[in-house]
Amino acid sequence: DLVIAEEVFSSVGRTVVVPEGLMDAVTGLSGSGPAYVALFIEALADAGVREGLDRETALLLSAQTVLGAARMILEGLSPSGLKEMVASPGGTTIEGLSVLEGAGVRGAVMEAVHAATRRSKELGDGKDKGG
C-alpha cells in the first residue's frame, strides 16, 4: 500500500513518509499550508497595489516571488541562507523583515499550524464542532 501511494503522489511532487502519529501535524502544515501561502501572496499583492502597482502586475510579481523562493529552497538553499542573500546591511529587505518580525508574523504562522493540527486531532477523535 505504501509503495503504491508513494508512486501516485510522486507523480505530482516529492513525497514524504511520516509516522501515522504525525498525520495531524502534516494536515496542519501541508494540508492547510496552501491557504496560508495564498494569504501571504494576496497580502504581498495588496501591498504592491498600495504602493502603486496595478492588481494584475502585483499578483503576478507576488506569486513569482514565492515560486522563485520555494524553488531555491527546494534546490538546497536554506531559508536563512536565502534571507542572507537578499537582505543587505541597512537595505530595504532587512527593513521589511524587521517590520514582519516585529509584527509577530513568524509566531502567527506557528500558531496557525498548531491550531490546525489541534483541530485535525479533534476531527479525528470525532469532536466535530463544525468546520
N, C-alpha and C. Protein backbone atom coordinates (compact mmCIF):
# COMPACT_ATOMS: atom_id res chain seq x y z
N ASP A 1 0.82 -1.21 0.00
CA ASP A 1 0.00 0.00 0.00
C ASP A 1 0.86 1.27 0.00
N LEU A 2 1.91 1.26 0.82
CA LEU A 2 2.79 2.42 0.91
C LEU A 2 3.50 2.68 -0.41
N VAL A 3 3.93 1.61 -1.07
CA VAL A 3 4.64 1.75 -2.35
C VAL A 3 3.71 2.34 -3.41
N ILE A 4 2.48 1.87 -3.46
CA ILE A 4 1.51 2.39 -4.43
C ILE A 4 1.22 3.86 -4.15
N ALA A 5 0.98 4.19 -2.89
CA ALA A 5 0.70 5.58 -2.53
C ALA A 5 1.87 6.48 -2.89
N GLU A 6 3.08 6.01 -2.63
CA GLU A 6 4.27 6.81 -2.93
C GLU A 6 4.41 7.03 -4.44
N GLU A 7 4.11 6.01 -5.23
CA GLU A 7 4.17 6.15 -6.69
C GLU A 7 3.15 7.16 -7.19
N VAL A 8 1.94 7.09 -6.66
CA VAL A 8 0.87 8.00 -7.07
C VAL A 8 1.25 9.44 -6.73
N PHE A 9 1.64 9.69 -5.48
CA PHE A 9 1.93 11.05 -5.05
C PHE A 9 3.23 11.59 -5.64
N SER A 10 4.18 10.73 -5.94
CA SER A 10 5.44 11.17 -6.55
C SER A 10 5.23 11.73 -7.95
N SER A 11 4.13 11.34 -8.58
CA SER A 11 3.87 11.83 -9.93
C SER A 11 3.54 13.32 -9.95
N VAL A 12 3.12 13.88 -8.82
CA VAL A 12 2.78 15.30 -8.75
C VAL A 12 3.74 16.11 -7.88
N GLY A 13 4.70 15.46 -7.26
CA GLY A 13 5.66 16.17 -6.42
C GLY A 13 6.43 15.20 -5.55
N ARG A 14 7.24 15.74 -4.67
CA ARG A 14 8.01 14.90 -3.76
C ARG A 14 7.10 14.34 -2.68
N THR A 15 7.41 13.12 -2.25
CA THR A 15 6.63 12.53 -1.17
C THR A 15 7.48 12.43 0.08
N VAL A 16 6.82 12.48 1.20
CA VAL A 16 7.47 12.34 2.49
C VAL A 16 6.67 11.32 3.28
N VAL A 17 7.34 10.32 3.80
CA VAL A 17 6.68 9.32 4.62
C VAL A 17 6.90 9.70 6.08
N VAL A 18 5.79 9.83 6.82
CA VAL A 18 5.87 10.17 8.24
C VAL A 18 5.11 9.13 9.05
N PRO A 19 5.46 8.96 10.31
CA PRO A 19 4.71 8.04 11.15
C PRO A 19 3.25 8.47 11.25
N GLU A 20 2.37 7.50 11.38
CA GLU A 20 0.93 7.78 11.43
C GLU A 20 0.58 8.78 12.52
N GLY A 21 1.30 8.74 13.63
CA GLY A 21 1.03 9.65 14.74
C GLY A 21 1.30 11.12 14.43
N LEU A 22 1.96 11.38 13.30
CA LEU A 22 2.24 12.76 12.91
C LEU A 22 1.35 13.26 11.78
N MET A 23 0.34 12.48 11.42
CA MET A 23 -0.52 12.88 10.31
C MET A 23 -1.30 14.16 10.60
N ASP A 24 -1.67 14.37 11.86
CA ASP A 24 -2.37 15.63 12.19
C ASP A 24 -1.44 16.82 11.98
N ALA A 25 -0.16 16.65 12.31
CA ALA A 25 0.82 17.72 12.08
C ALA A 25 1.00 17.97 10.58
N VAL A 26 0.99 16.89 9.79
CA VAL A 26 1.09 17.04 8.33
C VAL A 26 -0.13 17.80 7.82
N THR A 27 -1.30 17.49 8.35
CA THR A 27 -2.52 18.20 7.96
C THR A 27 -2.42 19.68 8.30
N GLY A 28 -1.97 19.99 9.52
CA GLY A 28 -1.84 21.38 9.95
C GLY A 28 -0.83 22.17 9.14
N LEU A 29 0.24 21.50 8.71
CA LEU A 29 1.30 22.17 7.96
C LEU A 29 1.05 22.13 6.46
N SER A 30 0.98 20.94 5.92
CA SER A 30 0.93 20.79 4.46
C SER A 30 -0.49 20.81 3.91
N GLY A 31 -1.43 20.27 4.66
CA GLY A 31 -2.82 20.27 4.21
C GLY A 31 -3.42 21.67 4.21
N SER A 32 -3.13 22.41 5.27
CA SER A 32 -3.64 23.78 5.38
C SER A 32 -2.68 24.81 4.79
N GLY A 33 -1.44 24.42 4.59
CA GLY A 33 -0.40 25.32 4.12
C GLY A 33 -0.70 26.10 2.86
N PRO A 34 -1.30 25.48 1.83
CA PRO A 34 -1.59 26.26 0.63
C PRO A 34 -2.46 27.49 0.90
N ALA A 35 -3.38 27.39 1.84
CA ALA A 35 -4.21 28.56 2.18
C ALA A 35 -3.37 29.64 2.87
N TYR A 36 -2.40 29.22 3.71
CA TYR A 36 -1.53 30.20 4.36
C TYR A 36 -0.69 30.92 3.31
N VAL A 37 -0.15 30.16 2.37
CA VAL A 37 0.67 30.75 1.31
C VAL A 37 -0.18 31.67 0.43
N ALA A 38 -1.41 31.25 0.13
CA ALA A 38 -2.31 32.09 -0.67
C ALA A 38 -2.58 33.42 0.05
N LEU A 39 -2.78 33.36 1.35
CA LEU A 39 -2.99 34.58 2.13
C LEU A 39 -1.76 35.49 2.05
N PHE A 40 -0.57 34.91 2.15
CA PHE A 40 0.66 35.69 2.06
C PHE A 40 0.80 36.33 0.68
N ILE A 41 0.55 35.54 -0.37
CA ILE A 41 0.64 36.08 -1.74
C ILE A 41 -0.36 37.21 -1.93
N GLU A 42 -1.57 37.02 -1.43
CA GLU A 42 -2.59 38.06 -1.54
C GLU A 42 -2.17 39.32 -0.79
N ALA A 43 -1.62 39.15 0.41
CA ALA A 43 -1.16 40.31 1.19
C ALA A 43 -0.01 41.02 0.50
N LEU A 44 0.91 40.25 -0.08
CA LEU A 44 2.03 40.84 -0.80
C LEU A 44 1.53 41.63 -2.01
N ALA A 45 0.55 41.06 -2.71
CA ALA A 45 -0.04 41.76 -3.86
C ALA A 45 -0.77 43.03 -3.41
N ASP A 46 -1.52 42.93 -2.31
CA ASP A 46 -2.20 44.12 -1.77
C ASP A 46 -1.19 45.22 -1.46
N ALA A 47 -0.05 44.82 -0.91
CA ALA A 47 0.99 45.80 -0.60
C ALA A 47 1.52 46.45 -1.87
N GLY A 48 1.67 45.65 -2.92
CA GLY A 48 2.11 46.21 -4.20
C GLY A 48 1.12 47.21 -4.75
N VAL A 49 -0.17 46.89 -4.64
CA VAL A 49 -1.22 47.81 -5.09
C VAL A 49 -1.17 49.09 -4.25
N ARG A 50 -0.98 48.94 -2.96
CA ARG A 50 -0.88 50.10 -2.07
C ARG A 50 0.26 51.03 -2.50
N GLU A 51 1.32 50.43 -3.03
CA GLU A 51 2.48 51.22 -3.46
C GLU A 51 2.39 51.69 -4.90
N GLY A 52 1.24 51.40 -5.58
CA GLY A 52 1.02 51.96 -6.90
C GLY A 52 0.99 51.00 -8.07
N LEU A 53 1.27 49.72 -7.84
CA LEU A 53 1.22 48.74 -8.93
C LEU A 53 -0.23 48.38 -9.24
N ASP A 54 -0.52 48.03 -10.48
CA ASP A 54 -1.87 47.54 -10.78
C ASP A 54 -2.00 46.13 -10.21
N ARG A 55 -3.24 45.71 -9.95
CA ARG A 55 -3.52 44.44 -9.27
C ARG A 55 -2.91 43.25 -10.01
N GLU A 56 -3.08 43.19 -11.31
CA GLU A 56 -2.58 42.05 -12.09
C GLU A 56 -1.06 41.92 -11.98
N THR A 57 -0.37 43.02 -12.12
CA THR A 57 1.09 43.02 -12.01
C THR A 57 1.53 42.65 -10.61
N ALA A 58 0.88 43.22 -9.61
CA ALA A 58 1.23 42.94 -8.21
C ALA A 58 1.04 41.47 -7.88
N LEU A 59 -0.06 40.88 -8.36
CA LEU A 59 -0.32 39.47 -8.09
C LEU A 59 0.70 38.58 -8.80
N LEU A 60 1.01 38.89 -10.04
CA LEU A 60 1.99 38.12 -10.79
C LEU A 60 3.36 38.19 -10.11
N LEU A 61 3.80 39.38 -9.75
CA LEU A 61 5.09 39.53 -9.08
C LEU A 61 5.12 38.79 -7.75
N SER A 62 4.02 38.86 -7.01
CA SER A 62 3.95 38.20 -5.70
C SER A 62 4.04 36.68 -5.85
N ALA A 63 3.25 36.12 -6.76
CA ALA A 63 3.26 34.67 -6.96
C ALA A 63 4.62 34.20 -7.49
N GLN A 64 5.19 34.95 -8.42
CA GLN A 64 6.51 34.59 -8.97
C GLN A 64 7.59 34.67 -7.89
N THR A 65 7.48 35.63 -7.00
CA THR A 65 8.45 35.77 -5.91
C THR A 65 8.40 34.56 -5.00
N VAL A 66 7.19 34.13 -4.63
CA VAL A 66 7.03 32.97 -3.75
C VAL A 66 7.51 31.71 -4.47
N LEU A 67 7.17 31.56 -5.73
CA LEU A 67 7.60 30.40 -6.51
C LEU A 67 9.12 30.35 -6.61
N GLY A 68 9.74 31.47 -6.91
CA GLY A 68 11.19 31.51 -7.02
C GLY A 68 11.88 31.17 -5.71
N ALA A 69 11.39 31.72 -4.62
CA ALA A 69 11.97 31.44 -3.30
C ALA A 69 11.80 29.96 -2.97
N ALA A 70 10.62 29.40 -3.24
CA ALA A 70 10.37 27.99 -2.97
C ALA A 70 11.31 27.10 -3.79
N ARG A 71 11.51 27.44 -5.03
CA ARG A 71 12.42 26.65 -5.89
C ARG A 71 13.84 26.66 -5.34
N MET A 72 14.32 27.82 -4.92
CA MET A 72 15.68 27.90 -4.39
C MET A 72 15.83 27.05 -3.12
N ILE A 73 14.82 27.08 -2.27
CA ILE A 73 14.86 26.29 -1.04
C ILE A 73 14.78 24.80 -1.37
N LEU A 74 13.92 24.41 -2.31
CA LEU A 74 13.83 23.01 -2.71
C LEU A 74 15.12 22.52 -3.36
N GLU A 75 15.88 23.43 -3.94
CA GLU A 75 17.15 23.06 -4.57
C GLU A 75 18.31 23.04 -3.57
N GLY A 76 18.01 23.31 -2.29
CA GLY A 76 19.03 23.14 -1.26
C GLY A 76 19.44 24.38 -0.49
N LEU A 77 19.01 25.55 -0.92
CA LEU A 77 19.34 26.77 -0.18
C LEU A 77 18.46 26.83 1.07
N SER A 78 19.05 27.08 2.22
CA SER A 78 18.25 27.16 3.44
C SER A 78 17.47 28.47 3.46
N PRO A 79 16.34 28.49 4.17
CA PRO A 79 15.60 29.75 4.29
C PRO A 79 16.48 30.89 4.84
N SER A 80 17.29 30.59 5.84
CA SER A 80 18.16 31.64 6.39
C SER A 80 19.22 32.05 5.36
N GLY A 81 19.69 31.10 4.56
CA GLY A 81 20.64 31.43 3.51
C GLY A 81 20.04 32.35 2.46
N LEU A 82 18.78 32.09 2.12
CA LEU A 82 18.08 32.94 1.16
C LEU A 82 17.92 34.36 1.72
N LYS A 83 17.53 34.44 3.00
CA LYS A 83 17.41 35.76 3.63
C LYS A 83 18.74 36.50 3.62
N GLU A 84 19.82 35.79 3.94
CA GLU A 84 21.15 36.41 3.95
C GLU A 84 21.53 36.92 2.57
N MET A 85 21.15 36.16 1.53
CA MET A 85 21.46 36.54 0.16
C MET A 85 20.77 37.84 -0.25
N VAL A 86 19.53 38.00 0.22
CA VAL A 86 18.69 39.11 -0.22
C VAL A 86 18.79 40.34 0.69
N ALA A 87 19.00 40.11 1.97
CA ALA A 87 18.96 41.21 2.95
C ALA A 87 20.35 41.79 3.18
N SER A 88 20.65 42.89 2.51
CA SER A 88 21.95 43.54 2.70
C SER A 88 21.89 44.47 3.91
N PRO A 89 23.02 44.66 4.58
CA PRO A 89 23.05 45.53 5.76
C PRO A 89 22.52 46.94 5.44
N GLY A 90 21.57 47.38 6.24
CA GLY A 90 21.00 48.71 6.08
C GLY A 90 20.10 48.87 4.87
N GLY A 91 19.75 47.76 4.22
CA GLY A 91 18.97 47.83 2.98
C GLY A 91 17.47 47.73 3.16
N THR A 92 16.79 47.66 2.03
CA THR A 92 15.32 47.63 2.02
C THR A 92 14.76 46.33 2.60
N THR A 93 15.38 45.21 2.26
CA THR A 93 14.85 43.92 2.70
C THR A 93 14.95 43.74 4.20
N ILE A 94 16.10 44.10 4.78
CA ILE A 94 16.24 43.94 6.23
C ILE A 94 15.27 44.85 6.97
N GLU A 95 14.98 46.00 6.38
CA GLU A 95 13.99 46.91 6.98
C GLU A 95 12.61 46.26 6.98
N GLY A 96 12.23 45.67 5.85
CA GLY A 96 10.95 44.98 5.76
C GLY A 96 10.88 43.77 6.68
N LEU A 97 11.97 42.99 6.74
CA LEU A 97 12.00 41.82 7.63
C LEU A 97 11.83 42.24 9.09
N SER A 98 12.43 43.36 9.45
CA SER A 98 12.30 43.86 10.81
C SER A 98 10.84 44.16 11.15
N VAL A 99 10.12 44.73 10.21
CA VAL A 99 8.69 45.01 10.42
C VAL A 99 7.91 43.71 10.58
N LEU A 100 8.17 42.73 9.70
CA LEU A 100 7.46 41.45 9.78
C LEU A 100 7.73 40.74 11.10
N GLU A 101 8.99 40.71 11.53
CA GLU A 101 9.33 40.07 12.81
C GLU A 101 8.67 40.82 13.97
N GLY A 102 8.70 42.15 13.91
CA GLY A 102 8.09 42.95 14.97
C GLY A 102 6.58 42.76 15.06
N ALA A 103 5.96 42.47 13.92
CA ALA A 103 4.51 42.25 13.88
C ALA A 103 4.14 40.82 14.30
N GLY A 104 5.13 39.99 14.53
CA GLY A 104 4.85 38.63 15.00
C GLY A 104 4.43 37.66 13.92
N VAL A 105 4.85 37.89 12.69
CA VAL A 105 4.44 37.00 11.59
C VAL A 105 4.89 35.57 11.84
N ARG A 106 6.14 35.38 12.25
CA ARG A 106 6.67 34.03 12.50
C ARG A 106 5.82 33.29 13.55
N GLY A 107 5.55 33.97 14.66
CA GLY A 107 4.75 33.36 15.72
C GLY A 107 3.33 33.08 15.28
N ALA A 108 2.75 33.97 14.48
CA ALA A 108 1.39 33.77 13.98
C ALA A 108 1.30 32.54 13.08
N VAL A 109 2.31 32.35 12.24
CA VAL A 109 2.33 31.17 11.37
C VAL A 109 2.44 29.90 12.22
N MET A 110 3.31 29.93 13.21
CA MET A 110 3.46 28.77 14.08
C MET A 110 2.16 28.46 14.82
N GLU A 111 1.48 29.48 15.30
CA GLU A 111 0.21 29.28 16.00
C GLU A 111 -0.88 28.76 15.06
N ALA A 112 -0.88 29.23 13.81
CA ALA A 112 -1.86 28.76 12.83
C ALA A 112 -1.69 27.27 12.57
N VAL A 113 -0.45 26.82 12.40
CA VAL A 113 -0.18 25.40 12.17
C VAL A 113 -0.58 24.60 13.41
N HIS A 114 -0.27 25.13 14.59
CA HIS A 114 -0.63 24.45 15.84
C HIS A 114 -2.15 24.32 15.96
N ALA A 115 -2.87 25.39 15.67
CA ALA A 115 -4.34 25.36 15.76
C ALA A 115 -4.93 24.38 14.75
N ALA A 116 -4.41 24.36 13.54
CA ALA A 116 -4.92 23.44 12.52
C ALA A 116 -4.60 21.99 12.90
N THR A 117 -3.43 21.76 13.48
CA THR A 117 -3.06 20.41 13.94
C THR A 117 -4.01 19.96 15.04
N ARG A 118 -4.25 20.85 15.99
CA ARG A 118 -5.16 20.54 17.09
C ARG A 118 -6.57 20.24 16.55
N ARG A 119 -7.02 21.03 15.59
CA ARG A 119 -8.35 20.82 15.00
C ARG A 119 -8.41 19.49 14.26
N SER A 120 -7.34 19.12 13.58
CA SER A 120 -7.29 17.84 12.89
C SER A 120 -7.43 16.69 13.89
N LYS A 121 -6.76 16.82 15.03
CA LYS A 121 -6.87 15.80 16.08
C LYS A 121 -8.31 15.72 16.59
N GLU A 122 -8.93 16.88 16.81
CA GLU A 122 -10.32 16.90 17.28
C GLU A 122 -11.24 16.20 16.29
N LEU A 123 -11.08 16.51 15.02
CA LEU A 123 -11.92 15.89 14.00
C LEU A 123 -11.67 14.39 13.94
N GLY A 124 -10.42 13.98 14.09
CA GLY A 124 -10.08 12.56 14.09
C GLY A 124 -10.65 11.83 15.29
N ASP A 125 -10.80 12.55 16.40
CA ASP A 125 -11.38 11.96 17.61
C ASP A 125 -12.90 12.04 17.62
N GLY A 126 -13.48 12.55 16.53
CA GLY A 126 -14.94 12.66 16.44
C GLY A 126 -15.51 13.85 17.17
N LYS A 127 -14.68 14.84 17.46
CA LYS A 127 -15.14 16.04 18.17
C LYS A 127 -15.42 17.15 17.16
N ASP A 128 -16.33 16.91 16.25
CA ASP A 128 -16.63 17.89 15.20
C ASP A 128 -17.47 19.01 15.77
N LYS A 129 -16.85 20.18 15.85
CA LYS A 129 -17.55 21.37 16.35
C LYS A 129 -17.95 22.27 15.20
N GLY A 130 -17.97 21.72 14.01
CA GLY A 130 -18.38 22.49 12.84
C GLY A 130 -17.26 23.27 12.19
N GLY A 131 -16.62 22.65 11.14
CA GLY A 131 -15.67 23.29 10.25
C GLY A 131 -14.46 23.80 10.81
